[in-house]
Amino acid sequence: MKMTKNLTHIAASVDFEAAMTEDQLQAVFAGAGVQGFAAELDIAERTEDHVQMVSLESFLAFAKASGLSAVTYDVTYFPHADDAEVEYQLKQLARDLEISVEVIRDVCADEIAEYIKLDAERDASLPVHSIVECYTGGTAFAWYGMNEYPRLKRVVLGKLAAGGKKAEKAFVLRASKAQVDYLGDY
């Protein structure tokens, strides 16, 4: 049983198990006596904080104890970011925040360059995310594995939130729902 003495939610860091390749997942499934089926799971709707609550082995034991003999899984790889990917991410962020891409590029030029450098050093042959899901009693349960990777939105939002003349005018003074949502996630 989990008891808390705090009545206020405080953001805490979450340690995720490492993402696994399809072969690694299949080996774990076989060891647990559960079949795994590849599926395209909806990563966009996942938030990292609420998905993983137990180890993968415990999750699979829960699935079996619930009378399930199969789970679905998805393994995601990200290629190294190139200029087109950076432009795509910046356009999405600019649209969500209702500011121009030029403001983001101007205020966050160093952070964007650092992101590209860090991403180029990342091993793109390792999966970034692994998700395993099962459904029982009308409820979906999921395990989420994650390997660290650079995140452009996180660095850019941190810099924009810190301000600067252009950012203050275009970002800080025009707080939108998207801004609040993004800052709340990071």
Protein backbone atom coordinates (compact mmCIF):
# COMPACT_ATOMS: atom_id res chain seq x y z
CA MET A 1 0.00 0.00 0.00
CA LYS A 2 1.24 3.48 -0.79
CA MET A 3 0.71 6.17 1.83
CA THR A 4 1.44 9.83 1.28
CA LYS A 5 1.76 12.59 3.81
CA ASN A 6 1.67 15.34 1.18
CA LEU A 7 -1.66 16.73 0.08
CA THR A 8 -0.04 18.62 -2.77
CA HIS A 9 1.24 16.95 -5.91
CA ILE A 10 4.93 17.62 -6.40
CA ALA A 11 6.61 16.77 -9.67
CA ALA A 12 9.05 13.94 -9.19
CA SER A 13 11.50 12.31 -11.51
CA VAL A 14 10.52 8.91 -12.81
CA ASP A 15 13.06 6.21 -13.58
CA PHE A 16 12.02 4.22 -16.63
CA GLU A 17 13.21 0.82 -17.61
CA ALA A 18 15.23 0.87 -20.81
CA ALA A 19 13.40 0.52 -24.10
CA MET A 20 13.81 -2.93 -25.63
CA THR A 21 14.14 -4.16 -29.17
CA GLU A 22 11.50 -6.44 -30.66
CA ASP A 23 13.75 -9.48 -30.18
CA GLN A 24 14.37 -8.58 -26.53
CA LEU A 25 10.63 -8.13 -25.91
CA GLN A 26 9.83 -11.46 -27.59
CA ALA A 27 12.38 -13.19 -25.31
CA VAL A 28 10.76 -11.64 -22.22
CA PHE A 29 7.28 -12.61 -23.47
CA ALA A 30 8.42 -16.20 -24.09
CA GLY A 31 9.91 -16.39 -20.60
CA ALA A 32 6.61 -15.20 -19.13
CA GLY A 33 4.54 -17.55 -21.28
CA VAL A 34 2.72 -14.70 -23.01
CA GLN A 35 2.46 -14.11 -26.75
CA GLY A 36 3.39 -10.67 -28.04
CA PHE A 37 1.88 -9.12 -31.16
CA ALA A 38 3.31 -6.08 -32.89
CA ALA A 39 0.85 -3.18 -33.09
CA GLU A 40 0.98 0.50 -33.86
CA LEU A 41 0.22 1.91 -30.43
CA ASP A 42 -0.76 5.53 -29.98
CA ILE A 43 2.41 7.07 -28.58
CA ALA A 44 1.14 10.63 -29.02
CA GLU A 45 -1.46 10.07 -26.30
CA ARG A 46 1.02 8.66 -23.78
CA THR A 47 2.44 10.61 -20.91
CA GLU A 48 5.51 9.09 -19.44
CA ASP A 49 4.52 9.66 -15.82
CA HIS A 50 1.35 7.56 -15.73
CA VAL A 51 2.11 4.60 -17.95
CA GLN A 52 4.83 2.56 -16.26
CA MET A 53 3.96 1.50 -12.76
CA VAL A 54 5.68 -1.88 -12.53
CA SER A 55 8.56 -3.73 -14.11
CA LEU A 56 7.92 -5.46 -17.43
CA GLU A 57 8.09 -8.86 -15.74
CA SER A 58 5.50 -7.82 -13.13
CA PHE A 59 3.33 -6.33 -15.86
CA LEU A 60 3.35 -9.60 -17.80
CA ALA A 61 2.63 -11.56 -14.61
CA PHE A 62 -0.36 -9.25 -14.05
CA ALA A 63 -1.57 -9.92 -17.60
CA LYS A 64 -1.34 -13.70 -17.05
CA ALA A 65 -3.04 -13.51 -13.65
CA SER A 66 -5.83 -11.54 -15.34
CA GLY A 67 -6.41 -14.47 -17.68
CA LEU A 68 -4.65 -12.96 -20.69
CA SER A 69 -2.25 -14.91 -22.84
CA ALA A 70 -1.32 -12.14 -25.28
CA VAL A 71 -0.16 -8.54 -25.28
CA THR A 72 0.51 -5.96 -27.98
CA TYR A 73 3.76 -4.06 -28.30
CA ASP A 74 5.35 -1.25 -30.26
CA VAL A 75 9.03 -0.39 -30.59
CA THR A 76 10.02 3.06 -31.89
CA TYR A 77 13.34 4.12 -33.39
CA PHE A 78 14.23 7.70 -34.25
CA PRO A 79 16.71 8.44 -37.04
CA HIS A 80 19.17 11.24 -36.39
CA ALA A 81 17.59 14.67 -36.69
CA ASP A 82 18.41 16.56 -39.85
CA ASP A 83 17.52 20.11 -40.87
CA ALA A 84 14.13 18.98 -42.19
CA GLU A 85 13.25 17.30 -38.87
CA VAL A 86 14.35 20.34 -36.86
CA GLU A 87 12.27 22.58 -39.15
CA TYR A 88 9.25 20.28 -38.74
CA GLN A 89 9.53 20.28 -34.94
CA LEU A 90 10.01 24.05 -34.80
CA LYS A 91 6.98 24.66 -37.04
CA GLN A 92 4.85 22.40 -34.82
CA LEU A 93 6.04 24.17 -31.69
CA ALA A 94 5.54 27.62 -33.24
CA ARG A 95 2.00 26.68 -34.26
CA ASP A 96 1.16 25.28 -30.81
CA LEU A 97 2.63 28.31 -29.03
CA GLU A 98 1.24 30.81 -31.54
CA ILE A 99 4.59 32.47 -32.14
CA SER A 100 6.79 32.60 -35.21
CA VAL A 101 9.48 30.10 -36.07
CA GLU A 102 11.87 33.04 -36.54
CA VAL A 103 11.47 34.06 -32.89
CA ILE A 104 12.23 30.52 -31.76
CA ARG A 105 15.27 30.27 -34.08
CA ASP A 106 16.56 33.68 -32.96
CA VAL A 107 16.12 33.17 -29.22
CA CYS A 108 17.13 29.49 -29.19
CA ALA A 109 19.89 29.27 -31.84
CA ASP A 110 22.46 27.86 -29.40
CA GLU A 111 20.01 25.30 -27.99
CA ILE A 112 19.04 24.13 -31.48
CA ALA A 113 22.71 23.70 -32.45
CA GLU A 114 23.36 21.79 -29.21
CA TYR A 115 20.33 19.54 -29.87
CA ILE A 116 21.61 18.65 -33.36
CA LYS A 117 25.08 17.90 -31.93
CA LEU A 118 23.74 15.70 -29.10
CA ASP A 119 21.33 13.89 -31.39
CA ALA A 120 24.15 13.11 -33.85
CA GLU A 121 26.05 11.42 -30.99
CA ARG A 122 23.06 9.23 -30.04
CA ASP A 123 23.06 5.58 -31.18
CA ALA A 124 20.14 5.53 -33.63
CA SER A 125 20.21 1.71 -33.71
CA LEU A 126 18.78 1.63 -30.17
CA PRO A 127 15.02 1.98 -29.73
CA VAL A 128 13.81 5.19 -28.13
CA HIS A 129 10.49 3.86 -26.81
CA SER A 130 8.97 0.45 -26.19
CA ILE A 131 5.33 0.09 -25.20
CA VAL A 132 3.56 -3.10 -24.14
CA GLU A 133 -0.20 -3.04 -23.62
CA CYS A 134 -2.92 -5.42 -22.52
CA TYR A 135 -6.65 -4.98 -22.17
CA THR A 136 -8.69 -6.55 -19.42
CA GLY A 137 -12.09 -5.68 -18.05
CA GLY A 138 -12.42 -2.83 -20.55
CA THR A 139 -9.29 -1.12 -19.26
CA ALA A 140 -5.94 -0.75 -21.00
CA PHE A 141 -2.77 -1.31 -19.00
CA ALA A 142 0.65 -0.43 -20.35
CA TRP A 143 4.35 -0.67 -19.66
CA TYR A 144 6.58 2.01 -21.14
CA GLY A 145 10.33 1.60 -21.65
CA MET A 146 12.44 4.56 -22.67
CA ASN A 147 16.05 5.23 -23.61
CA GLU A 148 17.29 8.76 -23.13
CA TYR A 149 17.44 10.93 -26.21
CA PRO A 150 17.70 14.69 -26.77
CA ARG A 151 14.35 16.50 -26.94
CA LEU A 152 14.22 19.73 -28.87
CA LYS A 153 10.91 20.91 -27.38
CA ARG A 154 12.17 20.56 -23.82
CA VAL A 155 15.27 22.70 -24.39
CA VAL A 156 13.49 25.27 -26.51
CA LEU A 157 10.63 25.66 -24.03
CA GLY A 158 13.07 26.07 -21.17
CA LYS A 159 14.87 28.84 -23.03
CA LEU A 160 11.66 30.58 -24.15
CA ALA A 161 10.22 30.41 -20.64
CA ALA A 162 13.36 32.09 -19.33
CA GLY A 163 12.57 35.06 -21.56
CA GLY A 164 14.66 37.47 -23.51
CA LYS A 165 13.29 40.53 -25.27
CA LYS A 166 11.84 38.72 -28.29
CA ALA A 167 10.67 35.75 -26.26
CA GLU A 168 9.12 37.99 -23.62
CA LYS A 169 7.13 39.87 -26.22
CA ALA A 170 6.14 36.86 -28.31
CA PHE A 171 5.94 34.12 -25.69
CA VAL A 172 5.78 35.19 -22.07
CA LEU A 173 3.14 37.88 -22.49
CA ARG A 174 0.96 35.67 -24.74
CA ALA A 175 0.47 32.58 -22.57
CA SER A 176 -1.79 30.20 -24.45
CA LYS A 177 -3.29 26.90 -23.42
CA ALA A 178 -0.63 25.11 -25.46
CA GLN A 179 2.14 26.92 -23.57
CA VAL A 180 0.71 25.94 -20.21
CA ASP A 181 0.25 22.33 -21.36
CA TYR A 182 3.81 22.07 -22.69
CA LEU A 183 5.39 23.65 -19.61
CA GLY A 184 3.33 21.40 -17.37
CA ASP A 185 4.63 18.29 -19.16
CA TYR A 186 8.27 19.26 -18.68
